[in-house]
Amino acid sequence: MDIYHIWCDLKHGQRDTEFVDHLNAYFDYLKREAALVNYRVMRKKLGLAPAELLEFHIMLEFENLTALDATFNHVANRKDPVESFHHAVNGRVSNVKFALYRDFPDPVRASGEEKF
């Protein structure tokens, strides 16, 4: 599984529950229409996180990089309805950071023959 991580803050004046409602609508759409397997939306609790990790943490799960790329291409077409979903989320956030992680070890990984 490849997991695309997003950290963000809300722009001033944005309502947290409205933001999450729009996230859920967007990602539920991507689960139906693209290759998103699952997602999680999390928020800092009691401020317990390093300052560089922002208020919200979102995880998007994809079977592989091909599925991630297909989903990105679906969003990149910028046509409705995906453009409206994207705009409803993207227009509410600031200070966005991204990362891509994978389950480890990879399922294709052989063990015992490494040369390092």
N, C-alpha and C. Protein backbone atom coordinates (compact mmCIF):
# COMPACT_ATOMS: atom_id res chain seq x y z
N MET A 1 0.85 -1.17 0.00
CA MET A 1 0.00 0.00 0.00
C MET A 1 0.90 1.24 0.00
N ASP A 2 0.59 2.19 -0.86
CA ASP A 2 1.27 3.48 -0.87
C ASP A 2 0.34 4.47 -0.18
N ILE A 3 0.89 5.23 0.76
CA ILE A 3 0.08 6.14 1.56
C ILE A 3 0.57 7.56 1.35
N TYR A 4 -0.31 8.38 0.82
CA TYR A 4 -0.04 9.79 0.54
C TYR A 4 -0.52 10.58 1.75
N HIS A 5 0.41 11.27 2.41
CA HIS A 5 0.12 12.03 3.61
C HIS A 5 -0.01 13.51 3.28
N ILE A 6 -0.96 14.15 3.90
CA ILE A 6 -1.16 15.59 3.75
C ILE A 6 -1.30 16.19 5.14
N TRP A 7 -0.55 17.24 5.40
CA TRP A 7 -0.72 18.02 6.63
C TRP A 7 -1.13 19.42 6.21
N CYS A 8 -2.06 20.02 6.95
CA CYS A 8 -2.49 21.37 6.59
C CYS A 8 -3.11 22.06 7.79
N ASP A 9 -3.19 23.36 7.67
CA ASP A 9 -3.96 24.20 8.58
C ASP A 9 -5.16 24.72 7.81
N LEU A 10 -6.13 25.24 8.53
CA LEU A 10 -7.26 25.89 7.88
C LEU A 10 -6.96 27.37 7.73
N LYS A 11 -7.43 27.95 6.64
CA LYS A 11 -7.34 29.39 6.48
C LYS A 11 -8.19 30.05 7.56
N HIS A 12 -7.81 31.26 7.93
CA HIS A 12 -8.55 32.01 8.94
C HIS A 12 -10.02 32.11 8.55
N GLY A 13 -10.89 31.84 9.51
CA GLY A 13 -12.32 31.97 9.30
C GLY A 13 -13.01 30.73 8.77
N GLN A 14 -12.25 29.69 8.46
CA GLN A 14 -12.85 28.45 7.97
C GLN A 14 -13.34 27.60 9.13
N ARG A 15 -14.48 26.97 8.95
CA ARG A 15 -15.06 26.12 9.99
C ARG A 15 -14.53 24.70 9.84
N ASP A 16 -14.05 24.13 10.94
CA ASP A 16 -13.46 22.81 10.89
C ASP A 16 -14.43 21.73 10.42
N THR A 17 -15.66 21.75 10.89
CA THR A 17 -16.61 20.71 10.50
C THR A 17 -17.02 20.84 9.03
N GLU A 18 -17.11 22.05 8.52
CA GLU A 18 -17.40 22.24 7.09
C GLU A 18 -16.26 21.69 6.25
N PHE A 19 -15.04 21.98 6.67
CA PHE A 19 -13.86 21.47 5.97
C PHE A 19 -13.91 19.94 5.89
N VAL A 20 -14.17 19.30 7.01
CA VAL A 20 -14.20 17.84 7.03
C VAL A 20 -15.36 17.29 6.20
N ASP A 21 -16.49 17.96 6.22
CA ASP A 21 -17.61 17.54 5.36
C ASP A 21 -17.20 17.56 3.89
N HIS A 22 -16.49 18.61 3.48
CA HIS A 22 -16.03 18.70 2.09
C HIS A 22 -14.96 17.65 1.79
N LEU A 23 -14.06 17.39 2.75
CA LEU A 23 -13.06 16.33 2.57
C LEU A 23 -13.74 14.99 2.35
N ASN A 24 -14.70 14.67 3.21
CA ASN A 24 -15.40 13.38 3.09
C ASN A 24 -16.10 13.25 1.74
N ALA A 25 -16.76 14.31 1.29
CA ALA A 25 -17.43 14.26 -0.01
C ALA A 25 -16.42 14.04 -1.14
N TYR A 26 -15.29 14.74 -1.07
CA TYR A 26 -14.25 14.63 -2.10
C TYR A 26 -13.65 13.23 -2.13
N PHE A 27 -13.24 12.75 -0.97
CA PHE A 27 -12.57 11.45 -0.94
C PHE A 27 -13.53 10.29 -1.16
N ASP A 28 -14.77 10.42 -0.73
CA ASP A 28 -15.76 9.38 -1.06
C ASP A 28 -15.97 9.32 -2.58
N TYR A 29 -15.98 10.48 -3.22
CA TYR A 29 -16.06 10.54 -4.68
C TYR A 29 -14.86 9.83 -5.31
N LEU A 30 -13.64 10.10 -4.82
CA LEU A 30 -12.44 9.47 -5.38
C LEU A 30 -12.42 7.97 -5.13
N LYS A 31 -13.03 7.52 -4.05
CA LYS A 31 -13.15 6.08 -3.83
C LYS A 31 -14.08 5.44 -4.87
N ARG A 32 -15.14 6.14 -5.22
CA ARG A 32 -16.10 5.62 -6.21
C ARG A 32 -15.58 5.73 -7.64
N GLU A 33 -14.95 6.86 -7.96
CA GLU A 33 -14.66 7.18 -9.36
C GLU A 33 -13.20 7.03 -9.76
N ALA A 34 -12.31 6.86 -8.81
CA ALA A 34 -10.88 6.75 -9.12
C ALA A 34 -10.32 5.54 -8.38
N ALA A 35 -9.08 5.61 -7.96
CA ALA A 35 -8.41 4.44 -7.38
C ALA A 35 -8.04 4.61 -5.91
N LEU A 36 -8.68 5.55 -5.23
CA LEU A 36 -8.44 5.70 -3.79
C LEU A 36 -9.06 4.51 -3.07
N VAL A 37 -8.27 3.84 -2.23
CA VAL A 37 -8.76 2.68 -1.49
C VAL A 37 -9.43 3.11 -0.19
N ASN A 38 -8.76 3.96 0.54
CA ASN A 38 -9.29 4.40 1.83
C ASN A 38 -8.61 5.71 2.23
N TYR A 39 -9.17 6.36 3.22
CA TYR A 39 -8.58 7.60 3.72
C TYR A 39 -8.90 7.76 5.20
N ARG A 40 -8.09 8.58 5.84
CA ARG A 40 -8.32 8.96 7.24
C ARG A 40 -8.09 10.46 7.37
N VAL A 41 -8.90 11.09 8.19
CA VAL A 41 -8.75 12.51 8.50
C VAL A 41 -8.53 12.60 10.00
N MET A 42 -7.41 13.20 10.39
CA MET A 42 -7.07 13.31 11.80
C MET A 42 -6.73 14.76 12.14
N ARG A 43 -6.88 15.07 13.41
CA ARG A 43 -6.57 16.41 13.89
C ARG A 43 -5.70 16.30 15.14
N LYS A 44 -4.78 17.25 15.28
CA LYS A 44 -3.94 17.28 16.48
C LYS A 44 -4.80 17.21 17.73
N LYS A 45 -4.33 16.47 18.68
CA LYS A 45 -5.04 16.39 19.96
C LYS A 45 -4.17 17.02 21.03
N LEU A 46 -4.75 17.96 21.73
CA LEU A 46 -4.07 18.66 22.83
C LEU A 46 -2.79 19.35 22.37
N GLY A 47 -2.68 19.62 21.06
CA GLY A 47 -1.49 20.29 20.54
C GLY A 47 -0.25 19.42 20.59
N LEU A 48 -0.43 18.12 20.75
CA LEU A 48 0.72 17.21 20.91
C LEU A 48 1.27 16.77 19.55
N ALA A 49 2.12 17.58 19.02
CA ALA A 49 2.83 17.27 17.77
C ALA A 49 3.91 18.32 17.58
N PRO A 50 4.96 17.98 16.86
CA PRO A 50 5.95 19.00 16.54
C PRO A 50 5.30 20.14 15.75
N ALA A 51 5.81 21.33 15.90
CA ALA A 51 5.24 22.52 15.25
C ALA A 51 5.17 22.37 13.73
N GLU A 52 6.14 21.65 13.14
CA GLU A 52 6.13 21.52 11.68
C GLU A 52 5.03 20.57 11.19
N LEU A 53 4.43 19.80 12.09
CA LEU A 53 3.27 18.97 11.72
C LEU A 53 2.02 19.79 12.04
N LEU A 54 1.26 20.07 11.04
CA LEU A 54 0.20 21.06 11.11
C LEU A 54 -1.05 20.50 11.78
N GLU A 55 -2.11 21.28 11.82
CA GLU A 55 -3.33 20.95 12.58
C GLU A 55 -4.00 19.67 12.11
N PHE A 56 -4.15 19.51 10.80
CA PHE A 56 -4.82 18.34 10.25
C PHE A 56 -3.82 17.42 9.57
N HIS A 57 -4.06 16.12 9.69
CA HIS A 57 -3.26 15.09 9.02
C HIS A 57 -4.23 14.18 8.28
N ILE A 58 -4.01 14.05 6.98
CA ILE A 58 -4.88 13.26 6.13
C ILE A 58 -4.03 12.18 5.47
N MET A 59 -4.54 10.96 5.47
CA MET A 59 -3.84 9.84 4.84
C MET A 59 -4.71 9.25 3.74
N LEU A 60 -4.15 9.15 2.55
CA LEU A 60 -4.84 8.56 1.40
C LEU A 60 -4.13 7.27 1.02
N GLU A 61 -4.85 6.16 0.98
CA GLU A 61 -4.26 4.86 0.70
C GLU A 61 -4.55 4.42 -0.74
N PHE A 62 -3.48 3.98 -1.41
CA PHE A 62 -3.57 3.49 -2.78
C PHE A 62 -2.88 2.13 -2.86
N GLU A 63 -3.38 1.27 -3.72
CA GLU A 63 -2.78 -0.06 -3.89
C GLU A 63 -1.33 0.02 -4.33
N ASN A 64 -1.03 1.01 -5.20
CA ASN A 64 0.32 1.13 -5.75
C ASN A 64 0.46 2.51 -6.40
N LEU A 65 1.63 2.79 -6.94
CA LEU A 65 1.86 4.10 -7.55
C LEU A 65 1.05 4.29 -8.83
N THR A 66 0.73 3.22 -9.51
CA THR A 66 -0.11 3.32 -10.70
C THR A 66 -1.49 3.84 -10.32
N ALA A 67 -2.05 3.33 -9.22
CA ALA A 67 -3.36 3.78 -8.74
C ALA A 67 -3.29 5.24 -8.28
N LEU A 68 -2.21 5.60 -7.60
CA LEU A 68 -2.04 6.99 -7.17
C LEU A 68 -1.97 7.91 -8.39
N ASP A 69 -1.19 7.51 -9.38
CA ASP A 69 -1.06 8.32 -10.59
C ASP A 69 -2.40 8.44 -11.33
N ALA A 70 -3.15 7.36 -11.40
CA ALA A 70 -4.46 7.39 -12.07
C ALA A 70 -5.40 8.36 -11.35
N THR A 71 -5.36 8.35 -10.04
CA THR A 71 -6.21 9.26 -9.27
C THR A 71 -5.77 10.71 -9.47
N PHE A 72 -4.47 10.96 -9.45
CA PHE A 72 -3.96 12.31 -9.70
C PHE A 72 -4.38 12.78 -11.09
N ASN A 73 -4.31 11.90 -12.08
CA ASN A 73 -4.72 12.26 -13.43
C ASN A 73 -6.21 12.56 -13.49
N HIS A 74 -7.01 11.81 -12.75
CA HIS A 74 -8.45 12.06 -12.70
C HIS A 74 -8.72 13.47 -12.15
N VAL A 75 -8.02 13.83 -11.09
CA VAL A 75 -8.20 15.16 -10.49
C VAL A 75 -7.65 16.24 -11.42
N ALA A 76 -6.55 15.94 -12.09
CA ALA A 76 -5.88 16.94 -12.95
C ALA A 76 -6.69 17.32 -14.18
N ASN A 77 -7.72 16.56 -14.52
CA ASN A 77 -8.50 16.94 -15.69
C ASN A 77 -9.28 18.24 -15.47
N ARG A 78 -9.46 18.61 -14.19
CA ARG A 78 -10.05 19.90 -13.81
C ARG A 78 -11.48 20.09 -14.32
N LYS A 79 -12.17 18.99 -14.57
CA LYS A 79 -13.56 19.05 -15.02
C LYS A 79 -14.48 18.72 -13.85
N ASP A 80 -15.66 19.28 -13.86
CA ASP A 80 -16.64 18.92 -12.85
C ASP A 80 -17.12 17.49 -13.08
N PRO A 81 -17.40 16.77 -12.01
CA PRO A 81 -17.56 17.25 -10.64
C PRO A 81 -16.28 17.29 -9.81
N VAL A 82 -15.19 16.65 -10.27
CA VAL A 82 -14.00 16.56 -9.44
C VAL A 82 -13.41 17.94 -9.15
N GLU A 83 -13.50 18.87 -10.09
CA GLU A 83 -12.94 20.21 -9.86
C GLU A 83 -13.66 20.92 -8.73
N SER A 84 -14.97 20.77 -8.64
CA SER A 84 -15.72 21.40 -7.55
C SER A 84 -15.37 20.79 -6.20
N PHE A 85 -15.22 19.46 -6.16
CA PHE A 85 -14.80 18.80 -4.91
C PHE A 85 -13.42 19.30 -4.48
N HIS A 86 -12.49 19.34 -5.44
CA HIS A 86 -11.13 19.78 -5.14
C HIS A 86 -11.10 21.23 -4.66
N HIS A 87 -11.82 22.09 -5.34
CA HIS A 87 -11.85 23.50 -4.97
C HIS A 87 -12.45 23.70 -3.57
N ALA A 88 -13.48 22.94 -3.24
CA ALA A 88 -14.14 23.07 -1.93
C ALA A 88 -13.19 22.72 -0.78
N VAL A 89 -12.21 21.88 -1.05
CA VAL A 89 -11.22 21.51 -0.03
C VAL A 89 -10.01 22.44 -0.11
N ASN A 90 -9.43 22.54 -1.29
CA ASN A 90 -8.20 23.30 -1.48
C ASN A 90 -8.34 24.77 -1.11
N GLY A 91 -9.51 25.33 -1.33
CA GLY A 91 -9.73 26.74 -1.02
C GLY A 91 -9.83 27.05 0.47
N ARG A 92 -9.85 26.02 1.30
CA ARG A 92 -10.00 26.21 2.75
C ARG A 92 -8.70 26.01 3.54
N VAL A 93 -7.63 25.59 2.87
CA VAL A 93 -6.43 25.21 3.60
C VAL A 93 -5.25 26.13 3.31
N SER A 94 -4.30 26.10 4.24
CA SER A 94 -3.03 26.81 4.07
C SER A 94 -1.92 25.95 4.65
N ASN A 95 -0.69 26.36 4.38
CA ASN A 95 0.49 25.68 4.94
C ASN A 95 0.47 24.17 4.67
N VAL A 96 0.25 23.80 3.45
CA VAL A 96 0.10 22.38 3.11
C VAL A 96 1.47 21.73 2.92
N LYS A 97 1.60 20.51 3.46
CA LYS A 97 2.81 19.70 3.29
C LYS A 97 2.38 18.30 2.87
N PHE A 98 3.22 17.66 2.06
CA PHE A 98 2.89 16.34 1.53
C PHE A 98 4.05 15.37 1.75
N ALA A 99 3.71 14.09 1.82
CA ALA A 99 4.73 13.04 1.89
C ALA A 99 4.13 11.76 1.31
N LEU A 100 5.00 10.90 0.80
CA LEU A 100 4.56 9.62 0.28
C LEU A 100 5.34 8.52 1.00
N TYR A 101 4.60 7.62 1.62
CA TYR A 101 5.19 6.48 2.34
C TYR A 101 4.61 5.20 1.77
N ARG A 102 5.22 4.08 2.12
CA ARG A 102 4.72 2.78 1.69
C ARG A 102 4.78 1.80 2.86
N ASP A 103 3.97 0.76 2.76
CA ASP A 103 4.10 -0.33 3.73
C ASP A 103 5.47 -0.96 3.53
N PHE A 104 6.06 -1.40 4.62
CA PHE A 104 7.40 -1.97 4.54
C PHE A 104 7.47 -3.22 5.40
N PRO A 105 8.09 -4.26 4.93
CA PRO A 105 8.76 -4.37 3.65
C PRO A 105 7.76 -4.53 2.51
N ASP A 106 8.21 -4.14 1.32
CA ASP A 106 7.36 -4.29 0.14
C ASP A 106 7.05 -5.77 -0.06
N PRO A 107 5.84 -6.08 -0.57
CA PRO A 107 5.50 -7.49 -0.77
C PRO A 107 6.40 -8.20 -1.78
N VAL A 108 7.06 -7.47 -2.66
CA VAL A 108 7.94 -8.09 -3.66
C VAL A 108 9.37 -8.27 -3.14
N ARG A 109 9.63 -7.82 -1.95
CA ARG A 109 10.99 -7.83 -1.41
C ARG A 109 11.44 -9.24 -1.06
N ALA A 110 12.59 -9.62 -1.64
CA ALA A 110 13.25 -10.88 -1.27
C ALA A 110 14.20 -10.59 -0.14
N SER A 111 14.42 -11.55 0.69
CA SER A 111 15.31 -11.35 1.84
C SER A 111 16.44 -12.38 1.81
N GLY A 112 17.61 -11.93 2.19
CA GLY A 112 18.75 -12.84 2.30
C GLY A 112 19.75 -12.73 1.17
N GLU A 113 19.43 -12.06 0.09
CA GLU A 113 20.35 -11.95 -1.03
C GLU A 113 20.88 -10.53 -1.21
N GLU A 114 20.59 -9.64 -0.25
CA GLU A 114 21.05 -8.26 -0.37
C GLU A 114 22.57 -8.22 -0.35
N LYS A 115 23.14 -7.31 -1.10
CA LYS A 115 24.59 -7.18 -1.22
C LYS A 115 25.12 -5.97 -0.46
N PHE A 116 24.36 -5.45 0.49
CA PHE A 116 24.84 -4.31 1.25
C PHE A 116 24.75 -4.58 2.71
